[in-house]
Each structure stands twice: as C-alpha cells, then as structure tokens.
C-alpha cells in the first residue's frame, strides 16, 4: 500500500471555450480515517440550500472511487443551471477523478482510503446560453479536474517556482482593475 498522503490541495483553470464554459475546480484530497474524513462526512450530511454537495457519479447509482464530493462555488437557484451542474459537470468531475487514477496521480491502492472534495466553478451564465455545447463543457471540466488533482498530488506549484515567479505573475482581475476595466 502507498504511504499516507495526509491532505493535498490543488486547483486548475481550463478555458478556451465560449464565454461561460471555463472550469476552475479546487480540490482537497485526504485520508478518510482522520479529520479529512470527518469533514467529508459533515459536508455530505450537512446540506446547505443553494450549495448542495453531491457525490461524483458516472450515472445514477454509480459512484466513483475514491469517493468524491462536488461542492458548488456558486449559489444554485436556477433549474437549468442545476441540471447542467448536476449532469454535465458532475459527470465530467467523476471522469476527471478516474482519469487521475488511470494516470497514476491517485494511487490505485489508495482509492478506498482517501476522498476528494472538489469545489466546482460553473459560470451562472451557462443557464442562459442557447445551444450550449455540453460536449465541450464536459471536456473542459474533465480536463480541469484531472489537472487540479495532478497539481495537488505533485505539490504544484512548488515553493521554489512561486518565489522565483512571485513578481512576474499578476492576477488578471487585479491587472484589469489597474487598467480601469472593472
């Protein structure tokens, strides 16, 4: 069996599709036999109106391993948005988790011992997009989930990289604010 992983955290941004289709999941991965497992159970059992927590499923009655909890970063109050989030994006998250296992980022022998909490970003504007390309939305969210898990499990970015690039990386919304764009 692999060594304990403790808790790992990562994020990724995948864009490039039409407006509203970008994905920016944040993941926490941890051992289920300690505080992380208690947090996982509390999130699952303590539902909050507008911020439902659901298990990542391939389809109804087919949960992925390791157990993965999807948590919306956006208040969910629209039926179409809910269906996109709890359909296309939930499925993409599940597939991204399995991709991470297949790629070796999540050790196969740990899938019954760890869990994932994925904070899912889905732009509310998707509920208003006529002809939304669900295949593209699925692809973007699947890739973002896989990348976020890879970054978490490989401790990326490293502190050396961060210190080297600290003054070179500028948050895009800060930059827009400086330009008076927001």
Protein backbone atom coordinates (compact mmCIF):
# COMPACT_ATOMS: atom_id res chain seq x y z
CA UNK A 1 0.00 0.00 0.00
CA UNK A 2 1.15 3.55 -0.73
CA UNK A 3 2.25 5.79 2.09
CA UNK A 4 -0.25 8.13 3.72
CA UNK A 5 -0.85 11.29 1.74
CA UNK A 6 -2.22 13.42 4.55
CA UNK A 7 -4.10 16.24 2.84
CA UNK A 8 -3.23 17.67 -0.57
CA UNK A 9 -4.73 20.75 -2.20
CA UNK A 10 -4.69 21.90 -5.81
CA UNK A 11 -6.50 23.95 -8.40
CA UNK A 12 -6.55 24.41 -12.14
CA UNK A 13 -8.10 26.70 -14.70
CA UNK A 14 -9.10 25.46 -18.12
CA UNK A 15 -10.65 27.96 -20.51
CA UNK A 16 -10.64 28.35 -24.26
CA UNK A 17 -14.26 27.58 -24.97
CA UNK A 18 -17.09 30.04 -25.46
CA UNK A 19 -17.78 32.53 -22.65
CA UNK A 20 -19.12 30.84 -19.54
CA UNK A 21 -17.57 27.42 -20.16
CA UNK A 22 -14.29 27.81 -18.24
CA UNK A 23 -13.66 25.49 -15.32
CA UNK A 24 -11.67 26.29 -12.19
CA UNK A 25 -12.01 23.44 -9.70
CA UNK A 26 -10.25 23.48 -6.37
CA UNK A 27 -9.58 20.08 -4.85
CA UNK A 28 -8.74 18.82 -1.41
CA UNK A 29 -7.61 15.21 -1.21
CA UNK A 30 -7.16 13.41 2.06
CA UNK A 31 -7.23 10.29 4.16
CA UNK A 32 -10.75 9.27 5.15
CA UNK A 33 -9.70 7.83 8.53
CA UNK A 34 -8.97 11.20 10.14
CA UNK A 35 -10.11 14.84 10.20
CA UNK A 36 -10.48 14.96 6.42
CA UNK A 37 -12.93 12.05 6.51
CA UNK A 38 -14.93 13.76 9.23
CA UNK A 39 -15.07 16.93 7.13
CA UNK A 40 -16.17 14.91 4.10
CA UNK A 41 -18.99 13.28 6.08
CA UNK A 42 -20.07 16.61 7.58
CA UNK A 43 -20.23 18.26 4.17
CA UNK A 44 -22.25 15.38 2.75
CA UNK A 45 -24.67 15.25 5.66
CA UNK A 46 -25.00 18.96 6.36
CA UNK A 47 -26.59 20.23 3.16
CA UNK A 48 -27.00 23.98 2.65
CA UNK A 49 -29.75 25.47 0.48
CA UNK A 50 -28.25 26.73 -2.75
CA UNK A 51 -24.94 24.93 -2.19
CA UNK A 52 -25.80 21.24 -2.42
CA UNK A 53 -23.00 18.75 -2.04
CA UNK A 54 -23.29 15.68 -4.26
CA UNK A 55 -21.12 12.66 -4.88
CA UNK A 56 -19.40 12.50 -8.25
CA UNK A 57 -21.27 9.91 -10.27
CA UNK A 58 -20.81 8.27 -13.63
CA UNK A 59 -24.57 7.85 -13.61
CA UNK A 60 -27.25 7.40 -11.01
CA UNK A 61 -26.15 4.56 -8.72
CA UNK A 62 -22.53 4.51 -9.99
CA UNK A 63 -20.26 6.49 -7.64
CA UNK A 64 -16.57 6.86 -8.49
CA UNK A 65 -13.63 5.82 -6.35
CA UNK A 66 -12.11 7.47 -4.50
CA UNK A 67 -15.34 8.94 -3.15
CA UNK A 68 -15.59 12.48 -4.47
CA UNK A 69 -17.82 15.26 -3.22
CA UNK A 70 -18.76 18.06 -5.63
CA UNK A 71 -19.47 21.39 -3.93
CA UNK A 72 -20.73 24.34 -5.96
CA UNK A 73 -18.89 27.64 -5.54
CA UNK A 74 -21.96 29.42 -6.91
CA UNK A 75 -25.37 29.64 -5.27
CA UNK A 76 -27.60 27.30 -7.22
CA UNK A 77 -31.07 28.77 -7.73
CA UNK A 78 -31.95 28.02 -11.34
CA UNK A 79 -33.34 24.71 -12.62
CA UNK A 80 -31.39 24.75 -15.89
CA UNK A 81 -28.18 25.66 -14.09
CA UNK A 82 -28.83 22.86 -11.59
CA UNK A 83 -29.31 20.34 -14.38
CA UNK A 84 -26.08 21.41 -16.10
CA UNK A 85 -24.14 21.35 -12.81
CA UNK A 86 -25.59 18.06 -11.59
CA UNK A 87 -25.38 16.48 -15.02
CA UNK A 88 -22.61 17.53 -17.38
CA UNK A 89 -20.25 18.97 -14.75
CA UNK A 90 -20.84 16.27 -12.11
CA UNK A 91 -20.14 13.62 -14.77
CA UNK A 92 -17.04 15.48 -16.01
CA UNK A 93 -15.74 15.66 -12.44
CA UNK A 94 -16.26 11.92 -12.00
CA UNK A 95 -14.44 11.17 -15.25
CA UNK A 96 -11.59 13.51 -14.28
CA UNK A 97 -11.14 11.63 -11.00
CA UNK A 98 -10.96 8.31 -12.82
CA UNK A 99 -8.52 9.82 -15.33
CA UNK A 100 -6.29 10.82 -12.40
CA UNK A 101 -6.34 7.23 -11.13
CA UNK A 102 -5.56 5.89 -14.60
CA UNK A 103 -2.66 8.38 -14.97
CA UNK A 104 -1.24 7.37 -11.58
CA UNK A 105 -1.74 10.73 -9.87
CA UNK A 106 -4.06 8.97 -7.43
CA UNK A 107 -2.51 5.65 -6.40
CA UNK A 108 -4.89 2.84 -7.32
CA UNK A 109 -4.25 1.12 -3.98
CA UNK A 110 -5.49 4.25 -2.14
CA UNK A 111 -8.91 4.65 -3.80
CA UNK A 112 -10.74 3.09 -0.84
CA UNK A 113 -8.74 5.02 1.77
CA UNK A 114 -8.90 8.60 0.52
CA UNK A 115 -11.59 11.04 -0.58
CA UNK A 116 -11.78 14.19 -2.66
CA UNK A 117 -13.70 17.40 -2.14
CA UNK A 118 -13.99 19.34 -5.38
CA UNK A 119 -15.19 22.93 -5.27
CA UNK A 120 -16.73 23.34 -8.69
CA UNK A 121 -16.87 26.62 -10.59
CA UNK A 122 -19.62 26.79 -13.21
CA UNK A 123 -20.37 30.25 -14.52
CA UNK A 124 -24.05 31.10 -13.91
CA UNK A 125 -24.26 32.47 -17.45
CA UNK A 126 -24.36 28.90 -18.84
CA UNK A 127 -28.02 28.72 -17.87
CA UNK A 128 -28.72 31.42 -20.46
CA UNK A 129 -26.64 30.09 -23.35
CA UNK A 130 -28.82 28.82 -26.18
CA UNK A 131 -27.26 25.83 -27.87
CA UNK A 132 -24.76 25.23 -25.07
CA UNK A 133 -22.16 22.72 -26.26
CA UNK A 134 -22.35 20.13 -23.48
CA UNK A 135 -19.58 18.02 -25.05
CA UNK A 136 -17.18 20.96 -24.91
CA UNK A 137 -18.29 21.92 -21.39
CA UNK A 138 -17.77 18.30 -20.32
CA UNK A 139 -14.28 18.19 -21.91
CA UNK A 140 -13.20 21.43 -20.21
CA UNK A 141 -14.42 20.39 -16.74
CA UNK A 142 -12.97 16.89 -17.06
CA UNK A 143 -9.56 18.26 -18.03
CA UNK A 144 -9.63 20.86 -15.26
CA UNK A 145 -10.45 18.24 -12.63
CA UNK A 146 -7.66 15.97 -13.82
CA UNK A 147 -5.17 18.87 -13.82
CA UNK A 148 -6.19 20.06 -10.35
CA UNK A 149 -5.70 16.55 -8.95
CA UNK A 150 -2.31 16.27 -10.64
CA UNK A 151 -1.22 19.60 -9.17
CA UNK A 152 -2.45 18.59 -5.71
CA UNK A 153 -0.74 15.23 -5.71
CA UNK A 154 2.54 16.62 -7.09
CA UNK A 155 2.52 19.69 -4.79
CA UNK A 156 2.46 22.14 -7.69
CA UNK A 157 3.39 24.85 -7.94
CA UNK A 158 6.46 24.31 -5.81
CA UNK A 159 7.58 26.95 -3.36
CA UNK A 160 10.76 27.43 -5.41
CA UNK A 161 8.71 28.19 -8.53
CA UNK A 162 6.44 30.55 -6.58
CA UNK A 163 9.33 32.50 -5.09
CA UNK A 164 11.06 32.74 -8.48
CA UNK A 165 7.90 33.98 -10.25
CA UNK A 166 6.29 35.96 -7.42
CA UNK A 167 6.75 39.36 -9.07
CA UNK A 168 6.07 38.08 -12.61
CA UNK A 169 2.63 36.55 -12.09
CA UNK A 170 -0.12 39.14 -11.77
CA UNK A 171 -3.72 38.20 -11.02
CA UNK A 172 -5.72 39.01 -14.15
CA UNK A 173 -8.54 40.76 -12.29
CA UNK A 174 -6.08 42.96 -10.38
CA UNK A 175 -4.50 43.86 -13.71
CA UNK A 176 -7.93 44.68 -15.17
CA UNK A 177 -8.71 46.82 -12.10
CA UNK A 178 -5.47 48.75 -12.58
CA UNK A 179 -6.48 49.41 -16.19
CA UNK A 180 -9.92 50.62 -15.06
CA UNK A 181 -11.67 47.73 -16.79
CA UNK A 182 -13.54 46.67 -13.65
